[in-house]
Amino acid sequence: MNKFLFFLFFSIVAIISFRGINKYTNNSNSQPRIVSLSPSITKKIIELKKSEYLVGRTSFCNYNEVKNIEVVSDFNNINIDKIIIIHPTHVISEYPIDDKTFYILRKNNINVISLNTPKSIDEIIKNTKIISEIVGSKTELETLVNKINNLKPIEKLKNHSMYYVLSTGTSEFTAGKDTYINDFINLIGGKNIANNVDNWSYSKEYLLNSNPDIIISDSFNINEIAKNKQYRNITAIKEKNYIYIIPDIINVPTLGNIIESYKYVYNQNK
């Protein structure tokens, strides 16, 4: 299964409630040893400049900083035995952890933290704060949050209606109102035409009737939606008003990725 489908699947699945220890601060004299079961957790730790605390990762955590870290999980399976052998202090995920894995790891005195997949930029901040308390990176957290708070709507994009293409073709998938992508569209100054839906599915009729000024997506999806004759009269397509984003960045909910995606959009719309 390719990387796009991996992120799409976990964007659409139902999100479970937080499970884990009640206190996050690492009070032991030893450094934390962290197994990350989500690319977004791995990237948050990298952004907090504490990648040396990572001892395990997924096969999708393919960042240069962790390329030599043990792989303990792929798309389908978590290798519980391998996790236990490397003696982590914490296992952290932003995707659901099945009950069997959760309780076996807890039985082996491993702190298991299963966080909600963020639905907003505020929730990204909240999850990053939890991780910063574990790794002891308050200064880096404050720097990231300050950078987010200093981002302003891009003048050229203010009040323009936008449609975010997650996937297009026989069906339309986009980011509805309860998503951090919706927050990102607001952040750059746009208005998300899908802020009236709760899920990731969007009807073609809604898209046609909403007639967005701008379409935002990666080059592949923009090319796909642009060649659909059914959409040829949409303003964004007629006028070729496109904003390009990098899916490997925007699809991983971290503060650094929000900042980087903002800069990427800003440079297209100075």
Protein backbone atom coordinates (compact mmCIF):
# COMPACT_ATOMS: atom_id res chain seq x y z
CA MET A 1 0.00 0.00 0.00
CA ASN A 2 1.49 3.34 -0.98
CA LYS A 3 2.15 6.21 1.40
CA PHE A 4 -0.81 8.31 0.21
CA LEU A 5 -3.29 5.51 0.91
CA PHE A 6 -1.67 4.97 4.30
CA PHE A 7 -2.37 8.57 5.32
CA LEU A 8 -5.80 8.57 3.68
CA PHE A 9 -6.83 5.44 5.57
CA PHE A 10 -5.86 6.83 8.94
CA SER A 11 -7.47 10.17 8.14
CA ILE A 12 -10.83 8.50 7.55
CA VAL A 13 -10.88 5.88 10.31
CA ALA A 14 -12.72 6.68 13.52
CA ILE A 15 -10.48 8.22 16.16
CA ILE A 16 -10.32 6.55 19.54
CA SER A 17 -10.00 8.40 22.83
CA PHE A 18 -6.69 9.00 24.54
CA ARG A 19 -5.31 6.07 26.52
CA GLY A 20 -2.12 5.96 28.52
CA ILE A 21 -0.35 7.23 31.58
CA ASN A 22 -1.83 10.18 33.41
CA LYS A 23 1.45 11.96 33.95
CA TYR A 24 3.74 12.70 31.06
CA THR A 25 6.81 14.26 32.61
CA ASN A 26 9.81 11.97 32.66
CA ASN A 27 10.92 12.02 36.30
CA SER A 28 13.46 9.20 36.14
CA ASN A 29 17.19 9.86 36.17
CA SER A 30 17.61 7.97 32.91
CA GLN A 31 16.81 9.33 29.47
CA PRO A 32 13.52 8.26 27.90
CA ARG A 33 13.67 5.48 25.32
CA ILE A 34 10.79 6.03 22.92
CA VAL A 35 9.18 3.80 20.34
CA SER A 36 7.10 5.83 17.90
CA LEU A 37 4.21 4.09 16.15
CA SER A 38 3.26 7.10 14.00
CA PRO A 39 5.22 9.19 11.48
CA SER A 40 3.69 12.28 13.10
CA ILE A 41 5.06 11.31 16.53
CA THR A 42 8.51 10.67 15.07
CA LYS A 43 8.45 14.03 13.27
CA LYS A 44 7.32 15.85 16.43
CA ILE A 45 10.27 14.40 18.34
CA ILE A 46 12.64 15.44 15.54
CA GLU A 47 11.19 18.97 15.60
CA LEU A 48 11.74 19.08 19.37
CA LYS A 49 15.38 18.15 18.63
CA LYS A 50 15.29 15.00 20.72
CA SER A 51 15.62 12.27 18.07
CA GLU A 52 18.36 10.65 20.14
CA TYR A 53 15.60 9.38 22.45
CA LEU A 54 14.01 7.31 19.67
CA VAL A 55 14.78 3.59 19.77
CA GLY A 56 11.98 2.28 17.52
CA ARG A 57 9.88 3.52 14.62
CA THR A 58 7.51 2.46 11.84
CA SER A 59 8.62 1.68 8.29
CA PHE A 60 6.81 4.89 7.25
CA CYS A 61 9.04 7.04 9.50
CA ASN A 62 11.59 7.47 6.74
CA TYR A 63 13.24 10.67 7.93
CA ASN A 64 17.01 10.98 7.62
CA GLU A 65 17.38 11.64 11.35
CA VAL A 66 16.00 8.18 12.23
CA LYS A 67 17.06 6.02 9.30
CA ASN A 68 19.26 3.89 11.58
CA ILE A 69 16.54 3.39 14.20
CA GLU A 70 15.00 -0.07 14.58
CA VAL A 71 11.78 -0.63 12.61
CA VAL A 72 9.15 -2.25 14.85
CA SER A 73 5.98 -1.74 12.83
CA ASP A 74 4.68 -1.62 9.28
CA PHE A 75 1.23 -0.81 7.94
CA ASN A 76 -0.35 -4.06 9.13
CA ASN A 77 1.60 -5.26 12.15
CA ILE A 78 3.25 -4.11 15.35
CA ASN A 79 6.12 -6.39 16.35
CA ILE A 80 5.47 -6.62 20.08
CA ASP A 81 8.42 -8.94 20.75
CA LYS A 82 10.87 -6.59 19.06
CA ILE A 83 9.52 -3.65 21.07
CA ILE A 84 9.95 -5.50 24.36
CA ILE A 85 13.50 -6.55 23.47
CA ILE A 86 14.69 -2.97 22.91
CA HIS A 87 13.43 -1.94 26.40
CA PRO A 88 11.60 1.33 25.70
CA THR A 89 10.30 3.51 28.50
CA HIS A 90 7.48 4.80 26.27
CA VAL A 91 5.50 3.67 23.25
CA ILE A 92 3.65 6.60 21.67
CA SER A 93 1.16 6.72 18.82
CA GLU A 94 -1.32 9.08 17.20
CA TYR A 95 -3.12 6.13 15.63
CA PRO A 96 -5.23 3.54 17.45
CA ILE A 97 -3.33 0.81 19.30
CA ASP A 98 -5.22 -2.46 19.56
CA ASP A 99 -6.14 -3.71 23.03
CA LYS A 100 -3.88 -6.78 22.88
CA THR A 101 -0.78 -4.74 22.06
CA PHE A 102 -1.69 -2.10 24.63
CA TYR A 103 -2.05 -4.50 27.53
CA ILE A 104 0.97 -6.68 26.69
CA LEU A 105 3.20 -3.60 26.60
CA ARG A 106 1.72 -2.26 29.85
CA LYS A 107 2.26 -5.66 31.44
CA ASN A 108 5.95 -5.26 30.57
CA ASN A 109 6.08 -1.93 32.43
CA ILE A 110 6.14 0.18 29.29
CA ASN A 111 4.28 3.49 29.32
CA VAL A 112 1.85 3.34 26.39
CA ILE A 113 0.41 6.63 25.15
CA SER A 114 -2.23 6.53 22.43
CA LEU A 115 -3.11 10.10 21.48
CA ASN A 116 -6.01 11.27 19.37
CA THR A 117 -5.13 12.00 15.77
CA PRO A 118 -5.22 15.83 15.73
CA LYS A 119 -8.35 17.44 14.28
CA SER A 120 -7.08 20.99 14.67
CA ILE A 121 -3.87 22.98 14.97
CA ASP A 122 -4.66 23.43 18.67
CA GLU A 123 -4.71 19.64 19.05
CA ILE A 124 -1.36 19.41 17.26
CA ILE A 125 0.00 21.87 19.84
CA LYS A 126 -1.56 19.85 22.67
CA ASN A 127 0.00 16.57 21.50
CA THR A 128 3.38 18.23 20.92
CA LYS A 129 3.25 19.62 24.46
CA ILE A 130 2.67 16.11 25.86
CA ILE A 131 5.71 14.81 23.98
CA SER A 132 7.83 17.81 25.00
CA GLU A 133 7.12 17.02 28.65
CA ILE A 134 8.41 13.49 28.14
CA VAL A 135 11.59 14.49 26.30
CA GLY A 136 12.21 17.71 28.23
CA SER A 137 12.08 20.18 25.34
CA LYS A 138 10.14 23.17 26.60
CA THR A 139 12.23 25.77 24.74
CA GLU A 140 11.80 24.10 21.36
CA LEU A 141 8.05 23.76 21.99
CA GLU A 142 7.75 27.46 22.78
CA THR A 143 9.71 28.36 19.64
CA LEU A 144 7.40 26.28 17.44
CA VAL A 145 4.22 27.64 19.05
CA ASN A 146 5.46 31.23 18.71
CA LYS A 147 6.16 30.67 15.02
CA ILE A 148 2.63 29.31 14.53
CA ASN A 149 1.12 32.26 16.38
CA ASN A 150 3.05 34.72 14.21
CA LEU A 151 1.68 33.36 10.93
CA LYS A 152 -0.76 35.79 9.34
CA PRO A 153 -3.31 35.38 6.53
CA ILE A 154 -1.68 35.79 3.13
CA GLU A 155 -3.00 39.01 1.63
CA LYS A 156 -3.43 37.64 -1.89
CA LEU A 157 -5.54 34.73 -0.59
CA LYS A 158 -7.80 36.55 1.87
CA ASN A 159 -11.46 35.55 1.71
CA HIS A 160 -11.05 33.38 -1.39
CA SER A 161 -13.07 30.16 -1.38
CA MET A 162 -10.89 27.05 -1.57
CA TYR A 163 -11.33 23.37 -2.21
CA TYR A 164 -8.73 20.98 -0.82
CA VAL A 165 -8.37 17.85 -2.96
CA LEU A 166 -7.41 14.84 -0.89
CA SER A 167 -8.49 12.48 -3.66
CA THR A 168 -10.57 12.91 -6.82
CA GLY A 169 -12.05 10.70 -9.51
CA THR A 170 -15.10 8.50 -9.09
CA SER A 171 -15.54 10.08 -5.64
CA GLU A 172 -14.37 13.28 -4.01
CA PHE A 173 -12.46 13.35 -0.74
CA THR A 174 -11.56 16.57 1.01
CA ALA A 175 -10.97 18.05 4.47
CA GLY A 176 -14.17 18.94 6.31
CA LYS A 177 -14.66 21.34 9.18
CA ASP A 178 -13.23 19.18 11.97
CA THR A 179 -9.76 18.80 10.45
CA TYR A 180 -6.44 20.55 10.90
CA ILE A 181 -6.45 21.08 7.11
CA ASN A 182 -9.52 23.27 7.57
CA ASP A 183 -7.53 25.24 10.16
CA PHE A 184 -4.64 25.51 7.71
CA ILE A 185 -6.90 26.93 5.00
CA ASN A 186 -8.15 29.52 7.50
CA LEU A 187 -4.56 30.23 8.52
CA ILE A 188 -3.46 31.15 4.99
CA GLY A 189 -6.53 33.38 4.63
CA GLY A 190 -8.90 31.18 2.64
CA LYS A 191 -12.42 29.91 3.21
CA ASN A 192 -12.89 26.15 3.03
CA ILE A 193 -15.96 25.31 0.94
CA ALA A 194 -16.17 21.97 2.77
CA ASN A 195 -16.48 23.48 6.25
CA ASN A 196 -20.12 22.37 6.25
CA VAL A 197 -19.30 18.63 6.29
CA ASP A 198 -18.12 16.48 9.17
CA ASN A 199 -16.34 13.75 7.26
CA TRP A 200 -13.86 13.41 4.41
CA SER A 201 -16.33 12.61 1.64
CA TYR A 202 -17.66 15.47 -0.50
CA SER A 203 -20.34 15.33 -3.17
CA LYS A 204 -19.66 16.45 -6.72
CA GLU A 205 -22.87 18.50 -6.57
CA TYR A 206 -21.58 20.46 -3.57
CA LEU A 207 -18.31 21.09 -5.36
CA LEU A 208 -20.02 22.34 -8.51
CA ASN A 209 -22.47 24.53 -6.60
CA SER A 210 -19.76 25.98 -4.33
CA ASN A 211 -17.63 26.94 -7.37
CA PRO A 212 -14.35 27.55 -5.47
CA ASP A 213 -11.98 30.36 -6.44
CA ILE A 214 -8.91 28.25 -5.71
CA ILE A 215 -8.05 24.56 -5.62
CA ILE A 216 -5.34 23.41 -3.24
CA SER A 217 -3.59 20.05 -3.51
CA ASP A 218 -0.52 18.27 -4.85
CA SER A 219 0.30 18.36 -8.57
CA PHE A 220 -1.12 14.88 -9.24
CA ASN A 221 -4.58 15.61 -7.83
CA ILE A 222 -4.71 19.07 -9.40
CA ASN A 223 -3.98 17.53 -12.80
CA GLU A 224 -6.64 14.88 -12.20
CA ILE A 225 -9.40 17.28 -11.20
CA ALA A 226 -8.47 19.77 -13.94
CA LYS A 227 -8.96 17.21 -16.71
CA ASN A 228 -12.41 16.17 -15.45
CA LYS A 229 -14.80 17.70 -18.00
CA GLN A 230 -17.56 17.79 -15.39
CA TYR A 231 -15.61 20.48 -13.53
CA ARG A 232 -14.49 22.60 -16.49
CA ASN A 233 -16.73 25.56 -15.52
CA ILE A 234 -15.46 25.79 -11.95
CA THR A 235 -13.77 29.18 -11.53
CA ALA A 236 -10.55 27.76 -10.09
CA ILE A 237 -10.14 25.41 -13.05
CA LYS A 238 -11.16 27.91 -15.74
CA GLU A 239 -8.69 30.47 -14.38
CA LYS A 240 -6.08 27.88 -13.31
CA ASN A 241 -6.02 29.20 -9.77
CA TYR A 242 -4.09 26.45 -8.03
CA ILE A 243 -2.12 26.27 -4.81
CA TYR A 244 0.36 23.41 -4.68
CA ILE A 245 1.24 21.63 -1.46
CA ILE A 246 3.59 18.75 -0.65
CA PRO A 247 1.51 15.79 0.61
CA ASP A 248 4.34 14.18 2.57
CA ILE A 249 4.49 17.38 4.63
CA ILE A 250 0.89 18.57 5.00
CA ASN A 251 -0.42 15.03 5.61
CA VAL A 252 1.76 14.60 8.71
CA PRO A 253 0.24 16.79 11.45
CA THR A 254 3.12 18.54 13.19
CA LEU A 255 3.81 22.18 13.98
CA GLY A 256 6.93 22.21 11.83
CA ASN A 257 5.00 20.82 8.89
CA ILE A 258 2.26 23.45 9.26
CA ILE A 259 4.95 26.15 9.26
CA GLU A 260 6.75 24.64 6.26
CA SER A 261 3.48 24.24 4.32
CA TYR A 262 2.55 27.85 5.08
CA LYS A 263 5.91 29.06 3.73
CA TYR A 264 5.47 26.91 0.61
CA VAL A 265 2.06 28.46 -0.06
CA TYR A 266 3.31 31.97 0.77
CA ASN A 267 6.13 31.71 -1.77
CA GLN A 268 3.56 30.93 -4.47
CA ASN A 269 1.43 33.94 -3.55
CA LYS A 270 3.75 36.82 -2.65
